[in-house]
C-alpha atoms as a PDB file:
ATOM      1  CA  MET A   1      -4.087  73.163  19.785  1.00  0.00           C
ATOM      2  CA  ALA A   2      -5.387  69.610  19.746  1.00  0.00           C
ATOM      3  CA  GLU A   3      -6.372  68.252  16.373  1.00  0.00           C
ATOM      4  CA  THR A   4      -8.760  65.712  14.968  1.00  0.00           C
ATOM      5  CA  LYS A   5      -7.929  64.110  11.651  1.00  0.00           C
ATOM      6  CA  ARG A   6      -9.992  61.679   9.642  1.00  0.00           C
ATOM      7  CA  ALA A   7      -8.599  59.253   7.124  1.00  0.00           C
ATOM      8  CA  THR A   8      -9.857  59.816   3.592  1.00  0.00           C
ATOM      9  CA  LYS A   9     -11.434  56.488   2.696  1.00  0.00           C
ATOM     10  CA  LYS A  10     -14.863  55.282   1.728  1.00  0.00           C
ATOM     11  CA  LYS A  11     -17.187  55.106   4.703  1.00  0.00           C
ATOM     12  CA  ILE A  12     -20.373  53.211   5.320  1.00  0.00           C
ATOM     13  CA  PRO A  13     -23.049  55.773   6.329  1.00  0.00           C
ATOM     14  CA  GLY A  14     -23.512  56.046  10.088  1.00  0.00           C
ATOM     15  CA  ARG A  15     -26.760  54.682  11.508  1.00  0.00           C
ATOM     16  CA  GLY A  16     -28.504  57.453  13.406  1.00  0.00           C
ATOM     17  CA  VAL A  17     -25.304  58.770  14.978  1.00  0.00           C
ATOM     18  CA  ASP A  18     -24.264  61.423  12.460  1.00  0.00           C
ATOM     19  CA  ARG A  19     -24.991  64.167  14.976  1.00  0.00           C
ATOM     20  CA  ILE A  20     -23.738  64.074  18.549  1.00  0.00           C
ATOM     21  CA  SER A  21     -25.871  66.363  20.683  1.00  0.00           C
ATOM     22  CA  PRO A  22     -24.298  68.985  22.977  1.00  0.00           C
ATOM     23  CA  GLY A  23     -25.978  67.247  25.899  1.00  0.00           C
ATOM     24  CA  LEU A  24     -24.312  63.934  25.082  1.00  0.00           C
ATOM     25  CA  LYS A  25     -20.943  65.669  24.734  1.00  0.00           C
ATOM     26  CA  ARG A  26     -21.332  67.242  28.179  1.00  0.00           C
ATOM     27  CA  TYR A  27     -22.336  63.861  29.565  1.00  0.00           C
ATOM     28  CA  VAL A  28     -19.231  62.268  28.034  1.00  0.00           C
ATOM     29  CA  ASP A  29     -17.048  64.956  29.624  1.00  0.00           C
ATOM     30  CA  ILE A  30     -18.388  63.996  33.053  1.00  0.00           C
ATOM     31  CA  VAL A  31     -18.143  60.232  32.512  1.00  0.00           C
ATOM     32  CA  VAL A  32     -14.630  60.355  31.046  1.00  0.00           C
ATOM     33  CA  LYS A  33     -13.367  62.601  33.838  1.00  0.00           C
ATOM     34  CA  THR A  34     -14.805  60.197  36.420  1.00  0.00           C
ATOM     35  CA  ALA A  35     -13.330  57.150  34.672  1.00  0.00           C
ATOM     36  CA  LEU A  36      -9.862  58.706  34.541  1.00  0.00           C
ATOM     37  CA  VAL A  37      -9.998  59.621  38.229  1.00  0.00           C
ATOM     38  CA  GLU A  38     -11.033  56.043  38.992  1.00  0.00           C
ATOM     39  CA  ASP A  39      -8.174  54.513  36.980  1.00  0.00           C
ATOM     40  CA  ILE A  40      -5.302  56.978  37.339  1.00  0.00           C
ATOM     41  CA  GLY A  41      -6.062  58.291  40.807  1.00  0.00           C
ATOM     42  CA  SER A  42      -3.068  60.261  42.076  1.00  0.00           C
ATOM     43  CA  GLY A  43      -0.965  59.238  39.054  1.00  0.00           C
ATOM     44  CA  ASP A  44       0.292  56.385  36.869  1.00  0.00           C
ATOM     45  CA  VAL A  45       3.125  55.203  39.098  1.00  0.00           C
ATOM     46  CA  THR A  46       4.534  52.789  36.505  1.00  0.00           C
ATOM     47  CA  THR A  47       4.639  55.184  33.581  1.00  0.00           C
ATOM     48  CA  SER A  48       5.904  58.112  35.648  1.00  0.00           C
ATOM     49  CA  ALA A  49       8.884  56.009  36.746  1.00  0.00           C
ATOM     50  CA  ILE A  50       9.783  54.739  33.279  1.00  0.00           C
ATOM     51  CA  VAL A  51       8.665  57.233  30.622  1.00  0.00           C
ATOM     52  CA  PRO A  52      10.099  60.780  30.471  1.00  0.00           C
ATOM     53  CA  SER A  53       7.330  63.371  30.537  1.00  0.00           C
ATOM     54  CA  THR A  54       8.564  64.929  27.271  1.00  0.00           C
ATOM     55  CA  MET A  55       8.783  61.696  25.276  1.00  0.00           C
ATOM     56  CA  LYS A  56       6.473  61.571  22.263  1.00  0.00           C
ATOM     57  CA  GLY A  57       4.679  58.498  20.989  1.00  0.00           C
ATOM     58  CA  SER A  58       1.856  57.205  18.855  1.00  0.00           C
ATOM     59  CA  CYS A  59      -0.966  54.739  19.319  1.00  0.00           C
ATOM     60  CA  ARG A  60      -2.949  52.618  16.862  1.00  0.00           C
ATOM     61  CA  ILE A  61      -6.290  51.048  17.726  1.00  0.00           C
ATOM     62  CA  VAL A  62      -6.623  47.883  15.645  1.00  0.00           C
ATOM     63  CA  ALA A  63      -9.676  45.634  15.246  1.00  0.00           C
ATOM     64  CA  LYS A  64      -9.013  42.039  16.314  1.00  0.00           C
ATOM     65  CA  GLU A  65     -12.303  40.839  14.836  1.00  0.00           C
ATOM     66  CA  ARG A  66     -15.099  42.100  12.589  1.00  0.00           C
ATOM     67  CA  LEU A  67     -17.149  44.723  14.378  1.00  0.00           C
ATOM     68  CA  VAL A  68     -19.359  47.788  14.160  1.00  0.00           C
ATOM     69  CA  VAL A  69     -17.461  50.621  15.780  1.00  0.00           C
ATOM     70  CA  ALA A  70     -18.990  52.998  18.319  1.00  0.00           C
ATOM     71  CA  GLY A  71     -17.475  55.437  20.785  1.00  0.00           C
ATOM     72  CA  LEU A  72     -14.685  57.019  18.762  1.00  0.00           C
ATOM     73  CA  PHE A  73     -15.465  60.503  20.042  1.00  0.00           C
ATOM     74  CA  ILE A  74     -15.245  59.196  23.601  1.00  0.00           C
ATOM     75  CA  ALA A  75     -11.815  57.647  23.041  1.00  0.00           C
ATOM     76  CA  GLU A  76     -10.706  60.958  21.553  1.00  0.00           C
ATOM     77  CA  ASN A  77     -12.016  62.778  24.618  1.00  0.00           C
ATOM     78  CA  VAL A  78      -9.901  60.544  26.884  1.00  0.00           C
ATOM     79  CA  PHE A  79      -6.621  61.271  25.108  1.00  0.00           C
ATOM     80  CA  ARG A  80      -7.297  64.976  24.690  1.00  0.00           C
ATOM     81  CA  ARG A  81      -8.138  65.354  28.338  1.00  0.00           C
ATOM     82  CA  LEU A  82      -4.701  63.978  29.247  1.00  0.00           C
ATOM     83  CA  ASP A  83      -2.798  65.740  26.460  1.00  0.00           C
ATOM     84  CA  GLY A  84      -4.248  68.914  24.962  1.00  0.00           C
ATOM     85  CA  SER A  85      -1.836  68.684  22.019  1.00  0.00           C
ATOM     86  CA  ALA A  86      -2.805  65.119  21.071  1.00  0.00           C
ATOM     87  CA  VAL A  87      -3.718  64.448  17.427  1.00  0.00           C
ATOM     88  CA  PHE A  88      -6.546  61.935  16.998  1.00  0.00           C
ATOM     89  CA  THR A  89      -7.031  60.441  13.524  1.00  0.00           C
ATOM     90  CA  ALA A  90     -10.185  58.387  13.006  1.00  0.00           C
ATOM     91  CA  GLY A  91     -10.203  55.864  10.188  1.00  0.00           C
ATOM     92  CA  PHE A  92     -13.947  55.268  10.493  1.00  0.00           C
ATOM     93  CA  ARG A  93     -17.139  56.832  11.755  1.00  0.00           C
ATOM     94  CA  ASP A  94     -19.291  55.438  14.522  1.00  0.00           C
ATOM     95  CA  GLY A  95     -21.688  52.980  12.900  1.00  0.00           C
ATOM     96  CA  ASP A  96     -19.164  51.790  10.294  1.00  0.00           C
ATOM     97  CA  ARG A  97     -18.328  48.126   9.841  1.00  0.00           C
ATOM     98  CA  VAL A  98     -14.655  47.354  10.458  1.00  0.00           C
ATOM     99  CA  LYS A  99     -12.778  44.282   9.279  1.00  0.00           C
ATOM    100  CA  LYS A 100     -10.304  42.330  11.372  1.00  0.00           C
ATOM    101  CA  GLY A 101      -6.855  43.930  11.217  1.00  0.00           C
ATOM    102  CA  GLU A 102      -8.026  47.366  10.127  1.00  0.00           C
ATOM    103  CA  THR A 103      -6.837  50.437  12.007  1.00  0.00           C
ATOM    104  CA  ILE A 104      -9.829  52.056  13.674  1.00  0.00           C
ATOM    105  CA  ALA A 105      -7.953  55.149  14.800  1.00  0.00           C
ATOM    106  CA  SER A 106      -4.515  56.445  15.706  1.00  0.00           C
ATOM    107  CA  VAL A 107      -3.331  58.984  18.240  1.00  0.00           C
ATOM    108  CA  SER A 108      -0.045  60.811  18.660  1.00  0.00           C
ATOM    109  CA  GLY A 109       1.163  62.953  21.529  1.00  0.00           C
ATOM    110  CA  ARG A 110       2.965  62.616  24.833  1.00  0.00           C
ATOM    111  CA  LEU A 111       3.674  58.926  25.371  1.00  0.00           C
ATOM    112  CA  ALA A 112       2.953  59.125  29.105  1.00  0.00           C
ATOM    113  CA  ALA A 113      -0.527  60.468  28.380  1.00  0.00           C
ATOM    114  CA  LEU A 114      -1.191  57.771  25.774  1.00  0.00           C
ATOM    115  CA  LEU A 115      -0.201  55.013  28.189  1.00  0.00           C
ATOM    116  CA  ALA A 116      -2.222  56.504  31.033  1.00  0.00           C
ATOM    117  CA  GLY A 117      -5.377  56.880  28.939  1.00  0.00           C
ATOM    118  CA  GLU A 118      -5.098  53.748  26.829  1.00  0.00           C
ATOM    119  CA  ARG A 119      -7.132  51.417  29.047  1.00  0.00           C
ATOM    120  CA  VAL A 120      -9.946  53.871  29.704  1.00  0.00           C
ATOM    121  CA  ALA A 121     -10.241  54.760  26.020  1.00  0.00           C
ATOM    122  CA  LEU A 122     -10.334  51.090  25.018  1.00  0.00           C
ATOM    123  CA  ASN A 123     -12.824  50.223  27.746  1.00  0.00           C
ATOM    124  CA  PHE A 124     -15.322  52.720  26.354  1.00  0.00           C
ATOM    125  CA  LEU A 125     -14.588  51.807  22.742  1.00  0.00           C
ATOM    126  CA  GLN A 126     -14.834  48.053  23.328  1.00  0.00           C
ATOM    127  CA  ARG A 127     -17.985  48.266  25.406  1.00  0.00           C
ATOM    128  CA  LEU A 128     -19.877  50.439  22.937  1.00  0.00           C
ATOM    129  CA  SER A 129     -18.549  48.637  19.852  1.00  0.00           C
ATOM    130  CA  GLY A 130     -19.644  45.339  21.411  1.00  0.00           C
ATOM    131  CA  ILE A 131     -23.176  46.676  21.850  1.00  0.00           C
ATOM    132  CA  ALA A 132     -23.237  48.135  18.332  1.00  0.00           C
ATOM    133  CA  THR A 133     -21.932  44.887  16.838  1.00  0.00           C
ATOM    134  CA  LEU A 134     -24.481  42.698  18.607  1.00  0.00           C
ATOM    135  CA  THR A 135     -27.307  45.109  17.780  1.00  0.00           C
ATOM    136  CA  ALA A 136     -26.307  45.046  14.100  1.00  0.00           C
ATOM    137  CA  GLU A 137     -26.543  41.250  14.177  1.00  0.00           C
ATOM    138  CA  PHE A 138     -30.057  41.429  15.630  1.00  0.00           C
ATOM    139  CA  VAL A 139     -31.052  43.959  12.969  1.00  0.00           C
ATOM    140  CA  LYS A 140     -29.628  41.763  10.220  1.00  0.00           C
ATOM    141  CA  ARG A 141     -31.441  38.655  11.434  1.00  0.00           C
ATOM    142  CA  ALA A 142     -34.703  40.574  11.815  1.00  0.00           C
ATOM    143  CA  GLY A 143     -34.514  41.447   8.124  1.00  0.00           C
ATOM    144  CA  GLY A 144     -36.774  44.457   8.523  1.00  0.00           C
ATOM    145  CA  ARG A 145     -39.674  42.321   9.788  1.00  0.00           C
ATOM    146  CA  VAL A 146     -39.522  43.744  13.316  1.00  0.00           C
ATOM    147  CA  LYS A 147     -37.923  46.743  14.968  1.00  0.00           C
ATOM    148  CA  ILE A 148     -34.990  46.172  17.299  1.00  0.00           C
ATOM    149  CA  LEU A 149     -35.253  48.382  20.363  1.00  0.00           C
ATOM    150  CA  ASP A 150     -33.126  48.715  23.471  1.00  0.00           C
ATOM    151  CA  THR A 151     -34.266  48.352  27.071  1.00  0.00           C
ATOM    152  CA  ARG A 152     -33.491  49.912  30.447  1.00  0.00           C
ATOM    153  CA  LYS A 153     -31.160  46.987  31.253  1.00  0.00           C
ATOM    154  CA  THR A 154     -28.109  49.196  30.927  1.00  0.00           C
ATOM    155  CA  THR A 155     -24.945  49.764  32.939  1.00  0.00           C
ATOM    156  CA  PRO A 156     -25.736  52.299  35.684  1.00  0.00           C
ATOM    157  CA  CYS A 157     -24.682  55.826  34.667  1.00  0.00           C
ATOM    158  CA  LEU A 158     -23.807  54.692  31.106  1.00  0.00           C
ATOM    159  CA  ARG A 159     -27.329  54.503  29.666  1.00  0.00           C
ATOM    160  CA  SER A 160     -26.948  57.446  27.277  1.00  0.00           C
ATOM    161  CA  LEU A 161     -23.734  55.978  25.842  1.00  0.00           C
ATOM    162  CA  GLU A 162     -25.145  52.477  25.496  1.00  0.00           C
ATOM    163  CA  ARG A 163     -28.288  53.835  23.827  1.00  0.00           C
ATOM    164  CA  TYR A 164     -26.003  55.699  21.427  1.00  0.00           C
ATOM    165  CA  ALA A 165     -24.240  52.413  20.647  1.00  0.00           C
ATOM    166  CA  VAL A 166     -27.569  50.732  19.884  1.00  0.00           C
ATOM    167  CA  ARG A 167     -28.267  53.448  17.306  1.00  0.00           C
ATOM    168  CA  ALA A 168     -24.788  52.964  15.871  1.00  0.00           C
ATOM    169  CA  GLY A 169     -25.678  49.314  15.318  1.00  0.00           C
ATOM    170  CA  GLY A 170     -28.880  50.176  13.491  1.00  0.00           C
ATOM    171  CA  GLY A 171     -31.261  49.662  16.407  1.00  0.00           C
ATOM    172  CA  LEU A 172     -33.788  52.087  17.828  1.00  0.00           C
ATOM    173  CA  ASN A 173     -34.061  53.599  21.277  1.00  0.00           C
ATOM    174  CA  HIS A 174     -37.089  52.768  23.395  1.00  0.00           C
ATOM    175  CA  ARG A 175     -37.991  54.881  26.429  1.00  0.00           C
ATOM    176  CA  SER A 176     -35.161  56.695  28.181  1.00  0.00           C
ATOM    177  CA  GLY A 177     -36.400  55.871  31.661  1.00  0.00           C
ATOM    178  CA  LEU A 178     -39.486  55.553  33.820  1.00  0.00           C
ATOM    179  CA  TYR A 179     -40.423  59.184  33.208  1.00  0.00           C
ATOM    180  CA  ASP A 180     -40.994  59.593  29.468  1.00  0.00           C
ATOM    181  CA  SER A 181     -43.588  56.928  28.583  1.00  0.00           C
ATOM    182  CA  VAL A 182     -45.823  54.299  30.153  1.00  0.00           C
ATOM    183  CA  LEU A 183     -44.879  50.637  29.836  1.00  0.00           C
ATOM    184  CA  ILE A 184     -47.339  48.344  31.587  1.00  0.00           C
ATOM    185  CA  LYS A 185     -45.497  45.202  32.660  1.00  0.00           C
ATOM    186  CA  ASP A 186     -46.615  41.939  34.213  1.00  0.00           C
ATOM    187  CA  ASN A 187     -46.458  43.231  37.787  1.00  0.00           C
ATOM    188  CA  HIS A 188     -48.602  46.242  36.877  1.00  0.00           C
ATOM    189  CA  ILE A 189     -51.135  43.921  35.224  1.00  0.00           C
ATOM    190  CA  LYS A 190     -51.272  41.724  38.333  1.00  0.00           C
ATOM    191  CA  ALA A 191     -51.746  44.767  40.550  1.00  0.00           C
ATOM    192  CA  ALA A 192     -54.585  46.104  38.358  1.00  0.00           C
ATOM    193  CA  GLY A 193     -56.200  42.718  37.758  1.00  0.00           C
ATOM    194  CA  SER A 194     -56.095  42.823  33.949  1.00  0.00           C
ATOM    195  CA  VAL A 195     -54.465  44.548  30.994  1.00  0.00           C
ATOM    196  CA  ALA A 196     -57.643  46.486  30.244  1.00  0.00           C
ATOM    197  CA  GLU A 197     -57.938  47.771  33.797  1.00  0.00           C
ATOM    198  CA  ALA A 198     -54.274  48.826  33.863  1.00  0.00           C
ATOM    199  CA  ILE A 199     -54.727  50.775  30.617  1.00  0.00           C
ATOM    200  CA  SER A 200     -57.937  52.328  31.912  1.00  0.00           C
ATOM    201  CA  ARG A 201     -56.167  53.627  35.006  1.00  0.00           C
ATOM    202  CA  VAL A 202     -53.319  55.071  32.921  1.00  0.00           C
ATOM    203  CA  ASN A 203     -55.722  56.790  30.532  1.00  0.00           C
ATOM    204  CA  LYS A 204     -57.673  58.217  33.431  1.00  0.00           C
ATOM    205  CA  LYS A 205     -54.553  59.735  34.951  1.00  0.00           C
ATOM    206  CA  TYR A 206     -52.750  61.029  31.849  1.00  0.00           C
ATOM    207  CA  LYS A 207     -55.651  61.480  29.388  1.00  0.00           C
ATOM    208  CA  GLY A 208     -53.547  60.693  26.302  1.00  0.00           C
ATOM    209  CA  ARG A 209     -50.626  62.979  27.203  1.00  0.00           C
ATOM    210  CA  VAL A 210     -48.057  60.158  27.264  1.00  0.00           C
ATOM    211  CA  LEU A 211     -47.269  57.160  25.061  1.00  0.00           C
ATOM    212  CA  VAL A 212     -48.744  53.961  26.497  1.00  0.00           C
ATOM    213  CA  GLU A 213     -47.420  50.474  25.763  1.00  0.00           C
ATOM    214  CA  THR A 214     -48.073  47.171  27.447  1.00  0.00           C
ATOM    215  CA  GLU A 215     -46.445  43.783  27.635  1.00  0.00           C
ATOM    216  CA  ALA A 216     -48.644  40.794  26.800  1.00  0.00           C
ATOM    217  CA  SER A 217     -48.057  37.099  26.219  1.00  0.00           C
ATOM    218  CA  THR A 218     -50.783  36.957  23.538  1.00  0.00           C
ATOM    219  CA  VAL A 219     -52.386  39.432  21.146  1.00  0.00           C
ATOM    220  CA  GLU A 220     -55.630  39.139  23.114  1.00  0.00           C
ATOM    221  CA  GLY A 221     -53.920  40.021  26.390  1.00  0.00           C
ATOM    222  CA  GLU A 222     -53.655  38.172  29.659  1.00  0.00           C
ATOM    223  CA  GLY A 223     -56.721  35.933  29.747  1.00  0.00           C
ATOM    224  CA  GLU A 224     -58.931  38.422  27.869  1.00  0.00           C
ATOM    225  CA  LYS A 225     -60.992  37.697  24.804  1.00  0.00           C
ATOM    226  CA  GLU A 226     -60.643  41.061  23.068  1.00  0.00           C
ATOM    227  CA  PRO A 227     -57.412  42.843  22.073  1.00  0.00           C
ATOM    228  CA  ALA A 228     -56.563  45.091  24.993  1.00  0.00           C
ATOM    229  CA  ALA A 229     -53.862  47.256  23.476  1.00  0.00           C
ATOM    230  CA  LYS A 230     -51.486  47.640  20.607  1.00  0.00           C
ATOM    231  CA  VAL A 231     -48.407  45.601  21.423  1.00  0.00           C
ATOM    232  CA  GLU A 232     -45.070  46.538  19.953  1.00  0.00           C
ATOM    233  CA  VAL A 233     -42.759  43.575  19.353  1.00  0.00           C
ATOM    234  CA  GLU A 234     -39.505  44.209  21.170  1.00  0.00           C
ATOM    235  CA  ALA A 235     -36.294  42.247  20.702  1.00  0.00           C
ATOM    236  CA  GLU A 236     -33.788  42.930  23.407  1.00  0.00           C
ATOM    237  CA  ALA A 237     -30.249  43.703  22.305  1.00  0.00           C
ATOM    238  CA  GLU A 238     -28.488  42.935  25.537  1.00  0.00           C
ATOM    239  CA  PRO A 239     -25.241  44.903  25.912  1.00  0.00           C
ATOM    240  CA  ALA A 240     -23.137  41.813  26.475  1.00  0.00           C
ATOM    241  CA  ALA A 241     -21.235  41.175  23.266  1.00  0.00           C
ATOM    242  CA  PRO A 242     -17.978  39.250  23.689  1.00  0.00           C
ATOM    243  CA  GLU A 243     -15.235  41.745  24.348  1.00  0.00           C
ATOM    244  CA  PRO A 244     -12.169  41.241  22.153  1.00  0.00           C
ATOM    245  CA  GLU A 245      -8.885  40.721  23.929  1.00  0.00           C
ATOM    246  CA  THR A 246      -6.766  43.859  23.887  1.00  0.00           C
ATOM    247  CA  SER A 247      -3.157  44.682  24.462  1.00  0.00           C
ATOM    248  CA  GLY A 248      -1.053  47.785  24.785  1.00  0.00           C
ATOM    249  CA  ARG A 249       2.599  47.815  23.872  1.00  0.00           C
ATOM    250  CA  ALA A 250       5.181  50.589  24.021  1.00  0.00           C
ATOM    251  CA  GLU A 251       7.979  50.021  21.594  1.00  0.00           C
ATOM    252  CA  ASP A 252      10.284  52.545  19.963  1.00  0.00           C
ATOM    253  CA  LYS A 253       8.112  55.317  21.308  1.00  0.00           C
ATOM    254  CA  GLU A 254       5.023  53.763  19.707  1.00  0.00           C
ATOM    255  CA  THR A 255       2.195  52.059  21.494  1.00  0.00           C
ATOM    256  CA  GLU A 256      -0.508  49.884  19.986  1.00  0.00           C
ATOM    257  CA  GLY A 257      -3.949  49.384  21.475  1.00  0.00           C
ATOM    258  CA  GLU A 258      -6.046  46.684  19.887  1.00  0.00           C
ATOM    259  CA  ALA A 259      -9.826  46.623  20.066  1.00  0.00           C
END
């Protein structure tokens, strides 16, 4: 039976990511399976030639710079999918701040499985931790004066994970897609002729059943004298934080992955 262990040390409370929904877990199952098929394909030809299938090993994921971690449960999913007996020990929770040199997590199990899954696990962990780290910086600089929300400028098919990372960094999620709220943008305003007319058309169609927001360059709206709508200040936390250099090394049946 696979195990999950957590180091007993003081944690910083997670930021809106204490509960991982069943839907997100199912989504992660699909994404991780697809990522492993993409990377491993018919098999890891290098590892299968060098590492005996029964050899055991261990892996440490070490921070190479200060960061806010996100995606630990996804990294765990990767290793467990390749080795059902793997033991994953998390030293932090998603949303925690990690110092350079600290061990984020460790995994033990079949060495071949650790080597095959290492890159995929780190790709997810680095990507989401980068987003969480950058979001946390935006939140810190905002100082509570404005809310930091995400946008739809996400990696295709990874939106749910990247939105999760924004929450881990202390940000808030905006609309999930085009379907759950109205956001009147500049092209809509041009098509309608004015902010007020665009809002009027939306209200006529939905009659208050959906949230309505609009972009505007001024409080008064585009060329209008009176305030046309409540405008929510949005600071974009682009998911493009510098990705730390990583390495994987197998030595004395132990492999290290650095994030």
